[in-house]
Amino acid sequence: MEGSYEPAPGIDRMRNGTPPMISLLALESALAAYDGIEMGEVRAKSLSLTTLFIELADDLLAPLGFTVATPREPAERGSQVSLRHPEAYAVVQALIERRVVGDYREPDVVRLGFAPLYLRHTDVVRAVEQLAAVVTAGEHRQERYAARATVT
């Protein structure tokens, strides 16, 4: 062993001794969900879910102050959709209480992910319905949703 250290070039510098087995076993189990599924099918479902969400957001959420921030061109988006709303933080908190989990991004973004392996189109419809219900009822304006948590 030498007294100095020089990292390997490129990605090789990330290699180290024994890999963390618990992490690898969890990863192996997670990846098993993809067994027998073509990635093209996963991508097609992802686009179907996000396209439906965007269409419903335009129809049902735009009148409630939401605007779609995610690119509309399928080739330019992944499996998530971001919406802008002036009260996004409180909207996300109220939405989570309704068991629709999204997250908040500064300054005014509601972000929802669409996991194509286990979400259905009915889940997308429900998410839009819950977003509309939160804002229509003014639930997001309750004091308990205004206080910012350290981690959003």
N, C-alpha and C. Protein backbone atom coordinates (compact mmCIF):
# COMPACT_ATOMS: atom_id res chain seq x y z
N MET A 1 0.85 -1.17 0.00
CA MET A 1 0.00 0.00 0.00
C MET A 1 0.89 1.23 0.00
N GLU A 2 0.52 2.14 -0.85
CA GLU A 2 1.29 3.38 -0.97
C GLU A 2 0.71 4.44 -0.05
N GLY A 3 1.45 5.47 0.19
CA GLY A 3 1.02 6.54 1.06
C GLY A 3 0.18 7.60 0.36
N SER A 4 0.02 7.47 -0.95
CA SER A 4 -0.79 8.46 -1.68
C SER A 4 -1.93 7.76 -2.41
N TYR A 5 -2.87 8.55 -2.86
CA TYR A 5 -4.05 7.99 -3.53
C TYR A 5 -4.27 8.72 -4.84
N GLU A 6 -4.47 7.96 -5.89
CA GLU A 6 -4.81 8.54 -7.17
C GLU A 6 -6.03 7.79 -7.71
N PRO A 7 -7.18 8.47 -7.82
CA PRO A 7 -8.39 7.76 -8.27
C PRO A 7 -8.26 7.25 -9.69
N ALA A 8 -8.92 6.15 -9.96
CA ALA A 8 -8.94 5.58 -11.31
C ALA A 8 -9.70 6.51 -12.24
N PRO A 9 -9.43 6.44 -13.52
CA PRO A 9 -10.16 7.29 -14.46
C PRO A 9 -11.60 6.79 -14.66
N GLY A 10 -12.49 7.72 -14.95
CA GLY A 10 -13.87 7.37 -15.29
C GLY A 10 -14.64 6.73 -14.15
N ILE A 11 -15.58 5.89 -14.52
CA ILE A 11 -16.48 5.25 -13.56
C ILE A 11 -15.77 4.25 -12.66
N ASP A 12 -14.62 3.76 -13.10
CA ASP A 12 -13.87 2.80 -12.29
C ASP A 12 -13.54 3.35 -10.90
N ARG A 13 -13.47 4.66 -10.75
CA ARG A 13 -13.14 5.24 -9.45
C ARG A 13 -14.24 4.97 -8.42
N MET A 14 -15.43 4.55 -8.87
CA MET A 14 -16.53 4.28 -7.95
C MET A 14 -16.49 2.86 -7.39
N ARG A 15 -15.64 2.01 -7.97
CA ARG A 15 -15.53 0.64 -7.47
C ARG A 15 -14.87 0.62 -6.11
N ASN A 16 -15.35 -0.27 -5.28
CA ASN A 16 -14.72 -0.43 -3.97
C ASN A 16 -14.78 -1.89 -3.59
N GLY A 17 -14.48 -2.21 -2.38
CA GLY A 17 -14.40 -3.59 -1.91
C GLY A 17 -15.70 -4.36 -2.03
N THR A 18 -16.08 -5.02 -0.99
CA THR A 18 -17.27 -5.86 -0.98
C THR A 18 -18.52 -5.01 -1.15
N PRO A 19 -19.36 -5.35 -2.12
CA PRO A 19 -20.58 -4.57 -2.30
C PRO A 19 -21.54 -4.81 -1.13
N PRO A 20 -22.39 -3.83 -0.83
CA PRO A 20 -23.34 -3.99 0.27
C PRO A 20 -24.42 -5.01 -0.12
N MET A 21 -24.38 -6.19 0.46
CA MET A 21 -25.25 -7.28 0.05
C MET A 21 -26.74 -6.98 0.23
N ILE A 22 -27.12 -6.36 1.32
CA ILE A 22 -28.55 -6.07 1.53
C ILE A 22 -29.05 -5.16 0.42
N SER A 23 -28.28 -4.16 0.06
CA SER A 23 -28.69 -3.26 -1.03
C SER A 23 -28.79 -4.01 -2.36
N LEU A 24 -27.82 -4.87 -2.62
CA LEU A 24 -27.85 -5.63 -3.88
C LEU A 24 -29.04 -6.60 -3.93
N LEU A 25 -29.35 -7.23 -2.81
CA LEU A 25 -30.49 -8.14 -2.77
C LEU A 25 -31.80 -7.39 -2.98
N ALA A 26 -31.92 -6.21 -2.39
CA ALA A 26 -33.12 -5.39 -2.59
C ALA A 26 -33.22 -4.97 -4.05
N LEU A 27 -32.11 -4.59 -4.64
CA LEU A 27 -32.10 -4.20 -6.05
C LEU A 27 -32.49 -5.38 -6.93
N GLU A 28 -31.93 -6.55 -6.64
CA GLU A 28 -32.25 -7.75 -7.42
C GLU A 28 -33.75 -8.03 -7.38
N SER A 29 -34.35 -7.94 -6.21
CA SER A 29 -35.78 -8.18 -6.08
C SER A 29 -36.59 -7.13 -6.84
N ALA A 30 -36.16 -5.88 -6.74
CA ALA A 30 -36.87 -4.81 -7.45
C ALA A 30 -36.81 -5.01 -8.96
N LEU A 31 -35.66 -5.41 -9.45
CA LEU A 31 -35.51 -5.59 -10.89
C LEU A 31 -36.26 -6.81 -11.41
N ALA A 32 -36.57 -7.76 -10.52
CA ALA A 32 -37.33 -8.94 -10.93
C ALA A 32 -38.71 -8.57 -11.46
N ALA A 33 -39.22 -7.43 -11.06
CA ALA A 33 -40.52 -6.97 -11.56
C ALA A 33 -40.50 -6.76 -13.08
N TYR A 34 -39.32 -6.56 -13.63
CA TYR A 34 -39.18 -6.34 -15.07
C TYR A 34 -38.99 -7.62 -15.86
N ASP A 35 -38.86 -8.76 -15.18
CA ASP A 35 -38.66 -10.02 -15.88
C ASP A 35 -39.77 -10.27 -16.89
N GLY A 36 -39.40 -10.55 -18.12
CA GLY A 36 -40.37 -10.88 -19.16
C GLY A 36 -41.09 -9.69 -19.76
N ILE A 37 -40.69 -8.50 -19.40
CA ILE A 37 -41.36 -7.30 -19.91
C ILE A 37 -40.37 -6.54 -20.80
N GLU A 38 -40.84 -6.19 -21.97
CA GLU A 38 -40.01 -5.41 -22.89
C GLU A 38 -40.02 -3.95 -22.46
N MET A 39 -38.87 -3.31 -22.51
CA MET A 39 -38.80 -1.91 -22.10
C MET A 39 -39.68 -1.02 -22.99
N GLY A 40 -39.86 -1.40 -24.24
CA GLY A 40 -40.75 -0.65 -25.12
C GLY A 40 -42.18 -0.64 -24.59
N GLU A 41 -42.60 -1.76 -23.99
CA GLU A 41 -43.93 -1.84 -23.40
C GLU A 41 -44.04 -0.94 -22.17
N VAL A 42 -42.99 -0.92 -21.38
CA VAL A 42 -42.97 -0.07 -20.19
C VAL A 42 -43.06 1.40 -20.61
N ARG A 43 -42.28 1.77 -21.60
CA ARG A 43 -42.29 3.16 -22.09
C ARG A 43 -43.65 3.51 -22.68
N ALA A 44 -44.25 2.61 -23.43
CA ALA A 44 -45.57 2.88 -24.02
C ALA A 44 -46.62 3.11 -22.93
N LYS A 45 -46.58 2.31 -21.89
CA LYS A 45 -47.54 2.48 -20.79
C LYS A 45 -47.27 3.79 -20.07
N SER A 46 -46.01 4.11 -19.85
CA SER A 46 -45.64 5.37 -19.21
C SER A 46 -46.23 6.55 -19.99
N LEU A 47 -46.04 6.53 -21.30
CA LEU A 47 -46.55 7.62 -22.13
C LEU A 47 -48.08 7.66 -22.12
N SER A 48 -48.70 6.51 -22.10
CA SER A 48 -50.16 6.45 -22.05
C SER A 48 -50.68 7.07 -20.75
N LEU A 49 -50.03 6.74 -19.64
CA LEU A 49 -50.45 7.29 -18.34
C LEU A 49 -50.23 8.79 -18.27
N THR A 50 -49.06 9.25 -18.68
CA THR A 50 -48.77 10.68 -18.59
C THR A 50 -49.59 11.49 -19.58
N THR A 51 -49.84 10.94 -20.76
CA THR A 51 -50.68 11.64 -21.74
C THR A 51 -52.09 11.80 -21.20
N LEU A 52 -52.63 10.73 -20.62
CA LEU A 52 -53.97 10.81 -20.03
C LEU A 52 -54.00 11.87 -18.93
N PHE A 53 -52.99 11.87 -18.07
CA PHE A 53 -52.96 12.85 -16.98
C PHE A 53 -52.93 14.27 -17.53
N ILE A 54 -52.09 14.52 -18.51
CA ILE A 54 -51.99 15.86 -19.10
C ILE A 54 -53.31 16.29 -19.72
N GLU A 55 -53.95 15.38 -20.44
CA GLU A 55 -55.25 15.71 -21.06
C GLU A 55 -56.30 16.04 -20.00
N LEU A 56 -56.34 15.23 -18.94
CA LEU A 56 -57.30 15.49 -17.86
C LEU A 56 -56.95 16.78 -17.11
N ALA A 57 -55.67 17.04 -16.94
CA ALA A 57 -55.25 18.29 -16.28
C ALA A 57 -55.69 19.50 -17.09
N ASP A 58 -55.53 19.42 -18.41
CA ASP A 58 -55.99 20.53 -19.26
C ASP A 58 -57.49 20.75 -19.11
N ASP A 59 -58.25 19.67 -19.09
CA ASP A 59 -59.71 19.76 -19.04
C ASP A 59 -60.24 20.12 -17.66
N LEU A 60 -59.71 19.48 -16.62
CA LEU A 60 -60.31 19.57 -15.29
C LEU A 60 -59.54 20.42 -14.29
N LEU A 61 -58.23 20.52 -14.46
CA LEU A 61 -57.43 21.23 -13.46
C LEU A 61 -57.05 22.64 -13.89
N ALA A 62 -56.95 22.90 -15.18
CA ALA A 62 -56.61 24.25 -15.65
C ALA A 62 -57.60 25.29 -15.12
N PRO A 63 -58.91 25.01 -15.11
CA PRO A 63 -59.85 26.00 -14.57
C PRO A 63 -59.65 26.27 -13.07
N LEU A 64 -58.90 25.39 -12.39
CA LEU A 64 -58.65 25.54 -10.96
C LEU A 64 -57.28 26.16 -10.67
N GLY A 65 -56.63 26.68 -11.70
CA GLY A 65 -55.36 27.38 -11.51
C GLY A 65 -54.11 26.57 -11.78
N PHE A 66 -54.25 25.35 -12.27
CA PHE A 66 -53.10 24.50 -12.58
C PHE A 66 -52.67 24.72 -14.03
N THR A 67 -51.36 24.70 -14.26
CA THR A 67 -50.84 24.67 -15.62
C THR A 67 -49.81 23.54 -15.71
N VAL A 68 -49.78 22.89 -16.84
CA VAL A 68 -48.84 21.78 -17.05
C VAL A 68 -47.46 22.37 -17.34
N ALA A 69 -46.47 21.96 -16.55
CA ALA A 69 -45.09 22.44 -16.73
C ALA A 69 -44.24 21.42 -17.50
N THR A 70 -44.67 20.18 -17.49
CA THR A 70 -43.93 19.09 -18.16
C THR A 70 -44.08 19.22 -19.67
N PRO A 71 -43.03 18.91 -20.42
CA PRO A 71 -43.15 18.96 -21.88
C PRO A 71 -44.30 18.08 -22.38
N ARG A 72 -45.02 18.58 -23.33
CA ARG A 72 -46.14 17.83 -23.89
C ARG A 72 -45.69 16.83 -24.95
N GLU A 73 -44.55 17.08 -25.54
CA GLU A 73 -44.00 16.18 -26.54
C GLU A 73 -43.53 14.91 -25.85
N PRO A 74 -44.10 13.75 -26.20
CA PRO A 74 -43.76 12.50 -25.51
C PRO A 74 -42.26 12.21 -25.44
N ALA A 75 -41.52 12.50 -26.49
CA ALA A 75 -40.09 12.21 -26.51
C ALA A 75 -39.31 13.09 -25.53
N GLU A 76 -39.94 14.14 -25.02
CA GLU A 76 -39.25 15.08 -24.14
C GLU A 76 -39.62 14.90 -22.67
N ARG A 77 -40.40 13.87 -22.35
CA ARG A 77 -40.77 13.69 -20.94
C ARG A 77 -40.54 12.26 -20.50
N GLY A 78 -40.40 12.12 -19.19
CA GLY A 78 -40.25 10.81 -18.59
C GLY A 78 -41.57 10.36 -18.01
N SER A 79 -41.51 9.66 -16.88
CA SER A 79 -42.71 9.08 -16.27
C SER A 79 -43.21 9.93 -15.11
N GLN A 80 -43.14 11.23 -15.26
CA GLN A 80 -43.68 12.12 -14.25
C GLN A 80 -44.28 13.34 -14.94
N VAL A 81 -45.19 13.99 -14.24
CA VAL A 81 -45.79 15.22 -14.75
C VAL A 81 -45.73 16.25 -13.64
N SER A 82 -45.30 17.44 -14.00
CA SER A 82 -45.27 18.56 -13.07
C SER A 82 -46.33 19.57 -13.45
N LEU A 83 -47.04 20.02 -12.44
CA LEU A 83 -48.06 21.05 -12.61
C LEU A 83 -47.65 22.26 -11.78
N ARG A 84 -47.93 23.44 -12.29
CA ARG A 84 -47.71 24.66 -11.51
C ARG A 84 -49.04 25.08 -10.89
N HIS A 85 -48.95 25.54 -9.65
CA HIS A 85 -50.12 26.08 -8.95
C HIS A 85 -49.58 27.03 -7.88
N PRO A 86 -50.20 28.20 -7.72
CA PRO A 86 -49.68 29.16 -6.75
C PRO A 86 -49.64 28.65 -5.31
N GLU A 87 -50.45 27.67 -4.98
CA GLU A 87 -50.48 27.11 -3.62
C GLU A 87 -50.03 25.65 -3.63
N ALA A 88 -49.02 25.37 -4.42
CA ALA A 88 -48.59 23.99 -4.66
C ALA A 88 -48.21 23.25 -3.39
N TYR A 89 -47.48 23.89 -2.49
CA TYR A 89 -47.05 23.18 -1.28
C TYR A 89 -48.25 22.64 -0.51
N ALA A 90 -49.21 23.50 -0.23
CA ALA A 90 -50.38 23.09 0.54
C ALA A 90 -51.22 22.07 -0.23
N VAL A 91 -51.30 22.23 -1.53
CA VAL A 91 -52.05 21.27 -2.36
C VAL A 91 -51.44 19.87 -2.21
N VAL A 92 -50.12 19.78 -2.27
CA VAL A 92 -49.45 18.47 -2.15
C VAL A 92 -49.71 17.87 -0.78
N GLN A 93 -49.65 18.67 0.26
CA GLN A 93 -49.88 18.15 1.61
C GLN A 93 -51.30 17.61 1.76
N ALA A 94 -52.28 18.34 1.25
CA ALA A 94 -53.67 17.88 1.31
C ALA A 94 -53.87 16.64 0.44
N LEU A 95 -53.21 16.60 -0.69
CA LEU A 95 -53.31 15.45 -1.59
C LEU A 95 -52.75 14.19 -0.94
N ILE A 96 -51.64 14.32 -0.25
CA ILE A 96 -51.04 13.17 0.43
C ILE A 96 -52.00 12.61 1.48
N GLU A 97 -52.69 13.49 2.17
CA GLU A 97 -53.65 13.02 3.15
C GLU A 97 -54.77 12.22 2.50
N ARG A 98 -55.02 12.47 1.22
CA ARG A 98 -56.02 11.72 0.47
C ARG A 98 -55.41 10.47 -0.18
N ARG A 99 -54.20 10.13 0.22
CA ARG A 99 -53.50 8.92 -0.22
C ARG A 99 -53.10 8.95 -1.70
N VAL A 100 -52.86 10.16 -2.21
CA VAL A 100 -52.26 10.34 -3.53
C VAL A 100 -50.94 11.04 -3.25
N VAL A 101 -49.85 10.32 -3.46
CA VAL A 101 -48.55 10.84 -3.05
C VAL A 101 -47.85 11.51 -4.23
N GLY A 102 -47.64 12.78 -4.04
CA GLY A 102 -46.86 13.56 -4.99
C GLY A 102 -45.76 14.24 -4.21
N ASP A 103 -45.05 15.15 -4.87
CA ASP A 103 -44.12 15.95 -4.10
C ASP A 103 -44.09 17.36 -4.61
N TYR A 104 -43.55 18.23 -3.81
CA TYR A 104 -43.52 19.65 -4.06
C TYR A 104 -42.11 20.07 -4.45
N ARG A 105 -42.03 20.97 -5.41
CA ARG A 105 -40.76 21.56 -5.82
C ARG A 105 -40.93 23.07 -5.88
N GLU A 106 -39.94 23.78 -5.36
CA GLU A 106 -39.96 25.24 -5.41
C GLU A 106 -39.97 25.71 -6.86
N PRO A 107 -40.63 26.79 -7.17
CA PRO A 107 -41.39 27.60 -6.23
C PRO A 107 -42.86 27.24 -6.15
N ASP A 108 -43.38 26.51 -7.14
CA ASP A 108 -44.84 26.32 -7.20
C ASP A 108 -45.24 25.05 -7.95
N VAL A 109 -44.49 23.97 -7.76
CA VAL A 109 -44.69 22.77 -8.58
C VAL A 109 -45.22 21.59 -7.76
N VAL A 110 -46.30 21.01 -8.29
CA VAL A 110 -46.84 19.73 -7.82
C VAL A 110 -46.31 18.70 -8.79
N ARG A 111 -45.59 17.70 -8.30
CA ARG A 111 -45.00 16.70 -9.18
C ARG A 111 -45.54 15.32 -8.83
N LEU A 112 -46.02 14.63 -9.85
CA LEU A 112 -46.56 13.28 -9.67
C LEU A 112 -45.82 12.32 -10.60
N GLY A 113 -45.43 11.17 -10.05
CA GLY A 113 -44.75 10.15 -10.84
C GLY A 113 -45.74 9.05 -11.21
N PHE A 114 -45.53 8.46 -12.36
CA PHE A 114 -46.43 7.41 -12.87
C PHE A 114 -45.63 6.15 -13.17
N ALA A 115 -45.60 5.24 -12.20
CA ALA A 115 -44.85 3.99 -12.34
C ALA A 115 -45.65 3.02 -13.21
N PRO A 116 -45.23 2.81 -14.43
CA PRO A 116 -46.02 2.03 -15.37
C PRO A 116 -46.18 0.56 -15.05
N LEU A 117 -45.33 0.01 -14.18
CA LEU A 117 -45.48 -1.41 -13.86
C LEU A 117 -46.65 -1.69 -12.94
N TYR A 118 -47.06 -0.71 -12.16
CA TYR A 118 -48.15 -1.02 -11.24
C TYR A 118 -49.25 0.02 -11.16
N LEU A 119 -49.12 1.16 -11.81
CA LEU A 119 -50.23 2.11 -11.84
C LEU A 119 -51.13 1.82 -13.02
N ARG A 120 -52.40 2.09 -12.81
CA ARG A 120 -53.40 1.87 -13.86
C ARG A 120 -53.96 3.22 -14.32
N HIS A 121 -54.65 3.20 -15.43
CA HIS A 121 -55.27 4.42 -15.93
C HIS A 121 -56.33 4.92 -14.94
N THR A 122 -56.97 4.01 -14.24
CA THR A 122 -57.95 4.43 -13.23
C THR A 122 -57.27 5.17 -12.08
N ASP A 123 -56.02 4.84 -11.79
CA ASP A 123 -55.26 5.56 -10.77
C ASP A 123 -54.99 7.00 -11.21
N VAL A 124 -54.73 7.17 -12.48
CA VAL A 124 -54.51 8.51 -13.03
C VAL A 124 -55.78 9.35 -12.90
N VAL A 125 -56.90 8.76 -13.27
CA VAL A 125 -58.18 9.46 -13.16
C VAL A 125 -58.44 9.84 -11.71
N ARG A 126 -58.18 8.92 -10.80
CA ARG A 126 -58.39 9.19 -9.37
C ARG A 126 -57.50 10.32 -8.88
N ALA A 127 -56.25 10.35 -9.32
CA ALA A 127 -55.33 11.42 -8.91
C ALA A 127 -55.87 12.78 -9.35
N VAL A 128 -56.35 12.87 -10.57
CA VAL A 128 -56.91 14.14 -11.06
C VAL A 128 -58.16 14.50 -10.26
N GLU A 129 -59.02 13.52 -10.02
CA GLU A 129 -60.22 13.77 -9.22
C GLU A 129 -59.86 14.29 -7.83
N GLN A 130 -58.85 13.70 -7.21
CA GLN A 130 -58.45 14.11 -5.87
C GLN A 130 -57.83 15.51 -5.88
N LEU A 131 -57.03 15.81 -6.88
CA LEU A 131 -56.47 17.16 -7.00
C LEU A 131 -57.59 18.19 -7.14
N ALA A 132 -58.54 17.89 -8.01
CA ALA A 132 -59.66 18.81 -8.20
C ALA A 132 -60.47 18.97 -6.91
N ALA A 133 -60.70 17.87 -6.21
CA ALA A 133 -61.49 17.92 -4.97
C ALA A 133 -60.79 18.75 -3.90
N VAL A 134 -59.48 18.59 -3.77
CA VAL A 134 -58.71 19.35 -2.78
C VAL A 134 -58.88 20.85 -3.01
N VAL A 135 -58.71 21.28 -4.26
CA VAL A 135 -58.75 22.71 -4.56
C VAL A 135 -60.19 23.23 -4.56
N THR A 136 -61.11 22.47 -5.11
CA THR A 136 -62.50 22.91 -5.15
C THR A 136 -63.05 23.11 -3.74
N ALA A 137 -62.73 22.20 -2.84
CA ALA A 137 -63.22 22.29 -1.46
C ALA A 137 -62.40 23.28 -0.63
N GLY A 138 -61.27 23.74 -1.16
CA GLY A 138 -60.41 24.66 -0.42
C GLY A 138 -59.65 23.99 0.72
N GLU A 139 -59.55 22.66 0.67
CA GLU A 139 -58.85 21.93 1.73
C GLU A 139 -57.42 22.41 1.91
N HIS A 140 -56.78 22.74 0.82
CA HIS A 140 -55.37 23.14 0.87
C HIS A 140 -55.16 24.45 1.63
N ARG A 141 -56.22 25.16 1.90
CA ARG A 141 -56.11 26.43 2.62
C ARG A 141 -56.21 26.25 4.14
N GLN A 142 -56.37 25.03 4.58
CA GLN A 142 -56.41 24.78 6.02
C GLN A 142 -55.03 25.07 6.61
N GLU A 143 -55.03 25.62 7.79
CA GLU A 143 -53.78 26.03 8.46
C GLU A 143 -52.74 24.92 8.54
N ARG A 144 -53.18 23.71 8.76
CA ARG A 144 -52.23 22.60 8.94
C ARG A 144 -51.40 22.32 7.68
N TYR A 145 -51.88 22.75 6.53
CA TYR A 145 -51.13 22.52 5.30
C TYR A 145 -50.20 23.69 4.95
N ALA A 146 -50.31 24.76 5.68
CA ALA A 146 -49.51 25.96 5.38
C ALA A 146 -48.10 25.87 5.96
N ALA A 147 -47.94 25.22 7.12
CA ALA A 147 -46.64 25.15 7.79
C ALA A 147 -45.70 24.26 6.99
N ARG A 148 -44.58 24.81 6.61
CA ARG A 148 -43.60 24.08 5.82
C ARG A 148 -42.79 23.13 6.68
N ALA A 149 -42.70 21.91 6.24
CA ALA A 149 -41.84 20.92 6.90
C ALA A 149 -40.39 21.19 6.47
N THR A 150 -39.45 20.70 7.24
CA THR A 150 -38.05 20.87 6.89
C THR A 150 -37.74 20.19 5.57
N VAL A 151 -38.28 19.00 5.39
CA VAL A 151 -38.13 18.26 4.14
C VAL A 151 -39.48 18.27 3.45
N THR A 152 -39.50 18.73 2.21
CA THR A 152 -40.77 18.80 1.49
C THR A 152 -40.89 17.63 0.55
